Structures are given as C-alpha cells and as structure tokens.
Amino acid sequence: MPNRTHFLLEESILTELAKFDEATLEFLNALKRSTRSIYTCGLEAFQKFYASQGEIQDFLDRVDKDMQLSRLKKQRVARNTLKNFVVWMQTETDFKPKTIRTYVTAVQSLGRYFDLAISTRYIELPSANPVSKKYPWTLEKVVKFVDLMAKPIYKSVAVSIFQSGLDVSTLLSINYGDVKEEFEDGIVPLCFDLVRVKTDTPFMSFIGAWGVSVLKEYLGDRRLQPEDPLYPLSESAIEKYFARRAKKFIGPYKGHNPCRPHSLRAGFYTLGKDNKADPEYIEFWMGHEVPEQKKVYMSKGRDGWRKAYAEQAEPALTPLGYKSTHSFP
C-alpha cells in the first residue's frame, strides 16, 4: 500500500502519465522518481514521433516479433525506428544532443524492462559534448533571477537550492515533517537533515534568512501534514520553469539552459569558497562523500553545523535586509 507521500508525488505528474498506454505506464511506475521524470519526457517525445504507427506498446510488439525472425527475414525494427527517432528530434525539435541521447536511452531502457535488447549502435547518435556552460552567478544576479519568478513555489525552490547546495532530486525528497519543528519555531538557519538521493549519503545543509522568508511566502496559510512533500513538483516541471525564466533573464541561448537549477547549486559552491568557507564543509553541505579518514573531523552536532553555516556560508548567500534569528554560544 503506497503511503501518502508516494500518492502525492504520483499525483503531481498524473497528467503526464495519463497519456501513456498500459505497458509504458508499467515501466514508468517501476522507476525511481528522479529517473521517471526524465524518462517520461523522453517517452512522450517518442510517442509523438511514433503516433502515425500506433502506441508505444505497438512498437514493442513489432520489435518482439522482428527479433524472433531469422537473420534474413529481420527488418531491424528497433534499430531503424531509433535511427529515425534521432533524425526526427534533430530536425523537428530544438532538443540538444544530450537530451536526444537521454531520450533514446529511455526507449532502450523501456525495451530492456520487457526483455528486449535494443542496441544503440549504428543509429548515429549526436555527440554528448555539452553546448553551453553554467551561468556565472553572483548574489546580486541570483536575486534578479529569482525576482523574475512569479510563482512562489518556484521562487522558493530556486532560493533553497542556492542557499543549501542541494540537488533537485534531494530537495524534492524533503517532506514537511523534515523541517516542521524548526520552521514553526522560527529557527534560522533552517536545517535540512537528509540523505542525498543519488548517492545515499547522509548529510546536513541549511537555508538562511532569505530562504526561510521565501519559504514562508510560498507556504502561506497552507496546513501541511508531516508526510506531505515540501515541494510537490516534478523535476521536469522545475527545469521547464527555469528555462522560461532564463530566456527573460539572459535572452536566447544555445544548448542547455545556463540558468538551470543545477547552476544554482554550482553558485552555492563558488560563492561559499569565495567567502573562505572550509572547502570540506562545503562538500558536506552539498551531500558529497567525505573521505573515510576525515569523517571523525567532520562530525558535528546539528547546532555545530548550523553555526558553521551561519558564519562561513550564509553571508555570501543572503541579500542585505535579511538576518538569521538563531543565537550561538
């Protein structure tokens, strides 16, 4: 029986999933949430490409039948379809090379789930080399970018990533119960006591007075239950919203969105280092693995880490006019 958190997370992408056939839904629901978000986008693109020939499960049926034929009778359905899918994405969409490769991987993974070995050899995938770089954030530029966000939930996501250094998947794993006590008690910096989703690494990070202020604006009068997700969004929705804001902020760009959520995580790292924060503390706050021999040195209580964050990181990440309320001995 899925818990309430699982239900709410599923509900947030229900509209996207509803457009798929039964076989595709079975595959997507078997994935981790972070993987499912991007594969949903990839299979949505494939479904659009394949629409004239049927549904995605029709593609699987044809691949299955073709693979059972003798070598001379095979039509190479999987290979030819993927090759045409790549051409379609290159000519009919504005997808960048890395996106195209990821979307092909989504189809390949779908086939693997149903025991169909779909090779990506001979389909002329584009180079995976990135076309663009991350935006060179300063605190002032982050403030201007966030001010372009009309929706409080996305504004809070942006500031939380920037002030905590969290990746999007970990941020979306936070439930209200994870912050309820400190948030309702008005403790700032506010602690995120977490396990990083991608690496299963336990760590702590924080948001300062600016992040808490924006979080209060977003939550408003909402009465969340402890098991409710703090941000009931999908990664794809966040990426798309950031992309739209970026075009207003920096104008047209080539390649990946330079102002994508991950770029704010990079901004946390850079500005923290510029503020002379301990590099190993920064690595810890971002959820990176700490070398085994340094784990004893890195051990602190929650208030110990809070004090370090307030002294070493928050000053570089908080605009004038915001002040943390926590007092330290």
Protein backbone atom coordinates (compact mmCIF):
# COMPACT_ATOMS: atom_id res chain seq x y z
CA MET A 1 0.00 0.00 0.00
CA PRO A 2 1.61 3.33 -1.05
CA ASN A 3 1.94 5.95 1.67
CA ARG A 4 0.50 9.46 1.44
CA THR A 5 3.81 10.94 0.29
CA HIS A 6 4.04 8.44 -2.57
CA PHE A 7 0.47 9.24 -3.57
CA LEU A 8 1.09 12.98 -3.64
CA LEU A 9 4.26 12.60 -5.68
CA GLU A 10 2.42 10.41 -8.17
CA GLU A 11 -0.43 12.92 -8.29
CA SER A 12 1.97 15.73 -9.24
CA ILE A 13 2.83 14.02 -12.54
CA LEU A 14 -0.52 12.29 -13.10
CA THR A 15 -1.34 14.44 -16.12
CA GLU A 16 1.91 13.43 -17.82
CA LEU A 17 1.48 9.71 -17.13
CA ALA A 18 -2.19 9.56 -18.15
CA LYS A 19 -1.31 9.89 -21.84
CA PHE A 20 0.62 6.59 -21.99
CA ASP A 21 -0.50 3.04 -22.79
CA GLU A 22 -0.57 0.27 -20.18
CA ALA A 23 2.85 -1.19 -20.99
CA THR A 24 4.59 2.18 -20.84
CA LEU A 25 2.85 3.04 -17.57
CA GLU A 26 4.02 -0.25 -16.06
CA PHE A 27 7.62 0.60 -16.98
CA LEU A 28 7.48 4.20 -15.70
CA ASN A 29 5.92 3.20 -12.40
CA ALA A 30 8.77 0.73 -11.82
CA LEU A 31 11.37 3.52 -11.93
CA LYS A 32 12.75 5.74 -9.20
CA ARG A 33 11.03 9.10 -9.16
CA SER A 34 14.09 11.05 -10.35
CA THR A 35 14.60 8.71 -13.33
CA ARG A 36 10.89 8.53 -14.11
CA SER A 37 10.66 12.31 -14.55
CA ILE A 38 13.19 12.49 -17.38
CA TYR A 39 12.13 9.20 -18.98
CA THR A 40 8.54 10.43 -19.00
CA CYS A 41 9.66 13.37 -21.14
CA GLY A 42 11.66 11.08 -23.41
CA LEU A 43 8.83 8.62 -23.97
CA GLU A 44 6.40 11.47 -24.50
CA ALA A 45 8.66 12.64 -27.35
CA PHE A 46 8.92 9.09 -28.73
CA GLN A 47 5.16 8.68 -28.57
CA LYS A 48 4.70 11.88 -30.56
CA PHE A 49 7.21 10.67 -33.15
CA TYR A 50 5.62 7.20 -33.37
CA ALA A 51 1.97 8.34 -33.33
CA SER A 52 1.35 7.64 -37.03
CA GLN A 53 2.26 3.98 -36.46
CA GLY A 54 0.42 3.41 -33.18
CA GLU A 55 1.19 3.46 -29.49
CA ILE A 56 4.48 2.69 -27.79
CA GLN A 57 3.32 -0.82 -26.92
CA ASP A 58 2.76 -1.40 -30.65
CA PHE A 59 6.42 -0.56 -31.19
CA LEU A 60 7.38 -3.11 -28.52
CA ASP A 61 5.20 -5.76 -30.16
CA ARG A 62 6.84 -5.15 -33.55
CA VAL A 63 10.33 -5.28 -32.06
CA ASP A 64 9.48 -8.52 -30.27
CA LYS A 65 8.16 -10.17 -33.45
CA ASP A 66 11.09 -8.94 -35.52
CA MET A 67 13.62 -10.34 -33.06
CA GLN A 68 12.08 -13.80 -33.35
CA LEU A 69 12.60 -13.92 -37.12
CA SER A 70 15.59 -15.46 -38.85
CA ARG A 71 18.51 -13.23 -39.82
CA LEU A 72 17.41 -12.95 -43.45
CA LYS A 73 13.84 -12.02 -42.55
CA LYS A 74 14.58 -9.46 -39.84
CA GLN A 75 13.62 -5.86 -40.62
CA ARG A 76 15.79 -4.37 -37.82
CA VAL A 77 12.67 -2.66 -36.48
CA ALA A 78 14.28 -1.38 -33.27
CA ARG A 79 17.43 -0.03 -34.91
CA ASN A 80 15.64 1.65 -37.81
CA THR A 81 12.96 3.15 -35.60
CA LEU A 82 15.52 4.61 -33.18
CA LYS A 83 17.58 5.96 -36.07
CA ASN A 84 14.52 7.72 -37.46
CA PHE A 85 13.64 8.96 -33.97
CA VAL A 86 17.07 10.59 -33.71
CA VAL A 87 16.64 12.25 -37.11
CA TRP A 88 13.17 13.46 -36.11
CA MET A 89 14.48 15.02 -32.88
CA GLN A 90 17.32 16.72 -34.75
CA THR A 91 15.08 18.19 -37.45
CA GLU A 92 11.65 18.64 -35.87
CA THR A 93 12.53 19.75 -32.33
CA ASP A 94 15.00 22.02 -30.56
CA PHE A 95 16.34 19.19 -28.37
CA LYS A 96 20.04 19.40 -27.65
CA PRO A 97 22.46 16.47 -28.18
CA LYS A 98 22.48 15.33 -24.55
CA THR A 99 18.68 15.40 -24.41
CA ILE A 100 18.47 13.35 -27.60
CA ARG A 101 20.83 10.75 -26.18
CA THR A 102 18.87 10.61 -22.91
CA TYR A 103 15.55 10.18 -24.72
CA VAL A 104 16.97 7.33 -26.81
CA THR A 105 18.21 5.74 -23.58
CA ALA A 106 14.64 5.97 -22.23
CA VAL A 107 13.37 3.90 -25.18
CA GLN A 108 16.28 1.47 -24.80
CA SER A 109 15.53 1.08 -21.07
CA LEU A 110 11.85 0.51 -21.84
CA GLY A 111 12.81 -2.35 -24.14
CA ARG A 112 15.18 -3.80 -21.54
CA TYR A 113 12.37 -3.81 -18.97
CA PHE A 114 10.37 -6.09 -21.29
CA ASP A 115 13.44 -8.27 -22.06
CA LEU A 116 14.02 -6.72 -25.48
CA ALA A 117 17.68 -5.94 -26.15
CA ILE A 118 17.62 -2.70 -28.16
CA SER A 119 21.08 -1.64 -29.29
CA THR A 120 22.03 1.99 -29.95
CA ARG A 121 24.84 1.03 -32.31
CA TYR A 122 24.57 2.20 -35.93
CA ILE A 123 21.89 4.83 -35.21
CA GLU A 124 24.21 7.87 -35.42
CA LEU A 125 23.64 9.42 -32.03
CA PRO A 126 24.85 13.04 -31.72
CA SER A 127 27.91 13.83 -29.64
CA ALA A 128 27.25 14.12 -25.91
CA ASN A 129 29.56 17.12 -25.54
CA PRO A 130 27.72 19.96 -23.77
CA VAL A 131 26.93 23.02 -25.86
CA SER A 132 26.68 25.57 -23.08
CA LYS A 133 28.10 26.31 -19.64
CA LYS A 134 26.55 27.20 -16.31
CA TYR A 135 25.74 30.84 -15.68
CA PRO A 136 28.39 32.70 -13.58
CA TRP A 137 26.23 33.61 -10.62
CA THR A 138 26.80 36.43 -8.18
CA LEU A 139 24.46 37.07 -5.27
CA GLU A 140 23.06 40.15 -6.99
CA LYS A 141 22.34 38.20 -10.19
CA VAL A 142 20.64 35.39 -8.28
CA VAL A 143 18.36 37.96 -6.61
CA LYS A 144 17.42 39.44 -10.01
CA PHE A 145 16.75 35.98 -11.47
CA VAL A 146 14.58 34.92 -8.53
CA ASP A 147 12.64 38.19 -8.75
CA LEU A 148 11.54 37.15 -12.25
CA MET A 149 9.74 34.14 -10.79
CA ALA A 150 6.08 34.96 -10.32
CA LYS A 151 5.15 31.64 -8.70
CA PRO A 152 6.20 31.45 -5.02
CA ILE A 153 6.81 27.69 -5.12
CA TYR A 154 9.45 28.01 -7.85
CA LYS A 155 10.97 31.06 -6.18
CA SER A 156 11.34 29.00 -3.00
CA VAL A 157 12.86 26.09 -4.92
CA ALA A 158 15.43 28.42 -6.50
CA VAL A 159 16.48 30.08 -3.24
CA SER A 160 16.57 26.75 -1.38
CA ILE A 161 18.89 25.22 -3.99
CA PHE A 162 21.11 28.30 -3.99
CA GLN A 163 21.37 28.59 -0.21
CA SER A 164 21.66 24.88 0.60
CA GLY A 165 23.57 23.47 -2.37
CA LEU A 166 21.04 20.63 -2.70
CA ASP A 167 20.44 18.85 -5.99
CA VAL A 168 16.85 18.91 -7.24
CA SER A 169 16.05 15.25 -6.59
CA THR A 170 17.14 15.55 -2.95
CA LEU A 171 15.22 18.80 -2.48
CA LEU A 172 12.08 17.10 -3.81
CA SER A 173 12.54 14.25 -1.32
CA ILE A 174 12.01 16.59 1.64
CA ASN A 175 8.71 16.20 3.48
CA TYR A 176 7.21 18.92 5.64
CA GLY A 177 7.88 16.74 8.70
CA ASP A 178 11.62 17.03 7.99
CA VAL A 179 11.53 20.79 8.70
CA LYS A 180 8.29 21.24 10.66
CA GLU A 181 9.71 21.72 14.14
CA GLU A 182 12.41 24.23 13.26
CA PHE A 183 10.26 26.04 10.70
CA GLU A 184 7.36 26.52 13.09
CA ASP A 185 9.74 27.53 15.89
CA GLY A 186 11.29 30.18 13.63
CA ILE A 187 14.83 28.79 13.78
CA VAL A 188 17.15 30.29 11.17
CA PRO A 189 19.34 28.94 9.58
CA LEU A 190 16.84 26.13 8.99
CA CYS A 191 18.34 22.63 8.91
CA PHE A 192 17.80 20.00 6.21
CA ASP A 193 18.89 16.71 7.83
CA LEU A 194 18.94 14.40 4.83
CA VAL A 195 20.25 11.52 2.78
CA ARG A 196 21.25 12.53 -0.73
CA VAL A 197 19.00 10.66 -3.18
CA LYS A 198 21.60 9.95 -5.86
CA THR A 199 24.39 8.70 -3.60
CA ASP A 200 22.60 7.53 -0.43
CA THR A 201 24.95 9.81 1.55
CA PRO A 202 23.69 11.19 4.91
CA PHE A 203 24.40 14.89 5.42
CA MET A 204 23.02 18.21 6.63
CA SER A 205 22.56 21.53 4.90
CA PHE A 206 20.71 24.75 5.64
CA ILE A 207 18.82 27.68 4.22
CA GLY A 208 19.34 31.11 5.71
CA ALA A 209 17.03 34.02 6.43
CA TRP A 210 16.32 34.69 2.74
CA GLY A 211 15.40 31.07 2.04
CA VAL A 212 13.14 30.84 5.09
CA SER A 213 11.43 34.12 4.18
CA VAL A 214 10.65 32.89 0.67
CA LEU A 215 9.54 29.51 2.04
CA LYS A 216 7.08 31.30 4.36
CA GLU A 217 5.76 33.29 1.41
CA TYR A 218 5.21 30.09 -0.58
CA LEU A 219 3.60 28.09 2.24
CA GLY A 220 1.38 30.97 3.37
CA ASP A 221 -1.65 29.60 5.17
CA ARG A 222 -1.19 26.02 3.98
CA ARG A 223 -1.62 23.37 6.64
CA LEU A 224 0.68 20.57 5.55
CA GLN A 225 0.84 17.14 7.15
CA PRO A 226 4.28 15.82 8.16
CA GLU A 227 4.25 13.29 5.33
CA ASP A 228 3.39 15.88 2.66
CA PRO A 229 6.22 16.77 0.24
CA LEU A 230 7.56 20.26 0.83
CA TYR A 231 7.62 20.85 -2.92
CA PRO A 232 5.02 18.70 -4.78
CA LEU A 233 6.66 19.17 -8.18
CA SER A 234 8.42 17.04 -10.79
CA GLU A 235 12.00 17.68 -11.88
CA SER A 236 10.82 18.25 -15.45
CA ALA A 237 8.36 20.94 -14.32
CA ILE A 238 11.14 22.74 -12.47
CA GLU A 239 13.53 22.53 -15.42
CA LYS A 240 10.89 23.90 -17.80
CA TYR A 241 10.00 26.79 -15.50
CA PHE A 242 13.67 27.73 -15.05
CA ALA A 243 14.15 27.61 -18.82
CA ARG A 244 11.30 30.06 -19.39
CA ARG A 245 12.64 32.45 -16.74
CA ALA A 246 16.16 32.18 -18.18
CA LYS A 247 15.01 33.44 -21.57
CA LYS A 248 13.66 36.56 -19.86
CA PHE A 249 16.82 36.91 -17.77
CA ILE A 250 19.61 36.36 -20.32
CA GLY A 251 17.74 36.21 -23.62
CA PRO A 252 18.09 33.42 -26.24
CA TYR A 253 20.78 30.82 -25.60
CA LYS A 254 22.22 27.75 -27.30
CA GLY A 255 22.42 24.34 -25.70
CA HIS A 256 21.42 23.67 -22.12
CA ASN A 257 19.81 26.36 -20.04
CA PRO A 258 22.78 28.16 -18.41
CA CYS A 259 20.47 29.09 -15.52
CA ARG A 260 19.18 25.56 -14.91
CA PRO A 261 18.61 24.53 -11.26
CA HIS A 262 21.94 22.74 -11.06
CA SER A 263 23.72 26.01 -11.89
CA LEU A 264 22.46 27.48 -8.61
CA ARG A 265 24.00 24.51 -6.79
CA ALA A 266 27.26 25.40 -8.51
CA GLY A 267 26.72 29.01 -7.39
CA PHE A 268 26.48 27.82 -3.79
CA TYR A 269 29.84 26.08 -4.16
CA THR A 270 31.59 29.01 -5.84
CA LEU A 271 30.29 31.78 -3.59
CA GLY A 272 30.90 29.69 -0.48
CA LYS A 273 34.54 29.20 -1.47
CA ASP A 274 34.87 32.90 -2.32
CA ASN A 275 33.67 33.64 1.22
CA LYS A 276 36.53 31.48 2.60
CA ALA A 277 34.20 28.73 3.80
CA ASP A 278 36.01 25.50 4.66
CA PRO A 279 36.05 23.51 1.36
CA GLU A 280 35.30 20.26 3.22
CA TYR A 281 32.32 21.88 4.92
CA ILE A 282 31.01 22.93 1.52
CA GLU A 283 31.39 19.36 0.25
CA PHE A 284 29.47 18.08 3.29
CA TRP A 285 26.63 20.61 2.90
CA MET A 286 26.28 19.58 -0.77
CA GLY A 287 25.97 15.90 0.16
CA HIS A 288 29.29 14.86 -1.37
CA GLU A 289 31.10 11.86 0.05
CA VAL A 290 33.70 12.77 2.69
CA PRO A 291 36.94 10.71 2.67
CA GLU A 292 36.82 7.99 5.34
CA GLN A 293 39.83 9.33 7.24
CA LYS A 294 38.16 12.72 7.70
CA LYS A 295 34.77 11.58 8.96
CA VAL A 296 35.72 11.99 12.60
CA TYR A 297 36.95 15.52 11.89
CA MET A 298 33.72 16.29 10.06
CA SER A 299 31.47 15.03 12.87
CA LYS A 300 29.39 17.83 14.41
CA GLY A 301 26.01 18.16 16.05
CA ARG A 302 23.21 19.96 14.26
CA ASP A 303 23.88 23.27 16.02
CA GLY A 304 27.59 22.90 15.33
CA TRP A 305 26.90 22.67 11.62
CA ARG A 306 24.33 25.46 11.88
CA LYS A 307 26.89 27.78 13.44
CA ALA A 308 29.48 26.91 10.79
CA TYR A 309 26.94 27.57 8.04
CA ALA A 310 25.82 30.89 9.58
CA GLU A 311 29.42 32.09 9.87
CA GLN A 312 31.01 30.71 6.72
CA ALA A 313 28.32 30.30 4.05
CA GLU A 314 25.21 32.37 4.75
CA PRO A 315 26.87 35.82 4.50
CA ALA A 316 27.75 35.13 0.85
CA LEU A 317 24.29 33.74 0.05
CA THR A 318 21.91 36.22 1.67
CA PRO A 319 20.94 39.68 0.34
CA LEU A 320 21.03 42.72 2.60
CA GLY A 321 17.95 43.12 4.77
CA TYR A 322 17.71 39.52 5.92
CA LYS A 323 19.02 38.39 9.30
CA SER A 324 19.19 34.96 10.89
CA THR A 325 17.47 34.64 14.26
CA HIS A 326 19.48 31.83 15.81
CA SER A 327 21.92 32.77 18.55
CA PHE A 328 25.07 30.78 19.19
CA PRO A 329 27.08 30.39 22.39
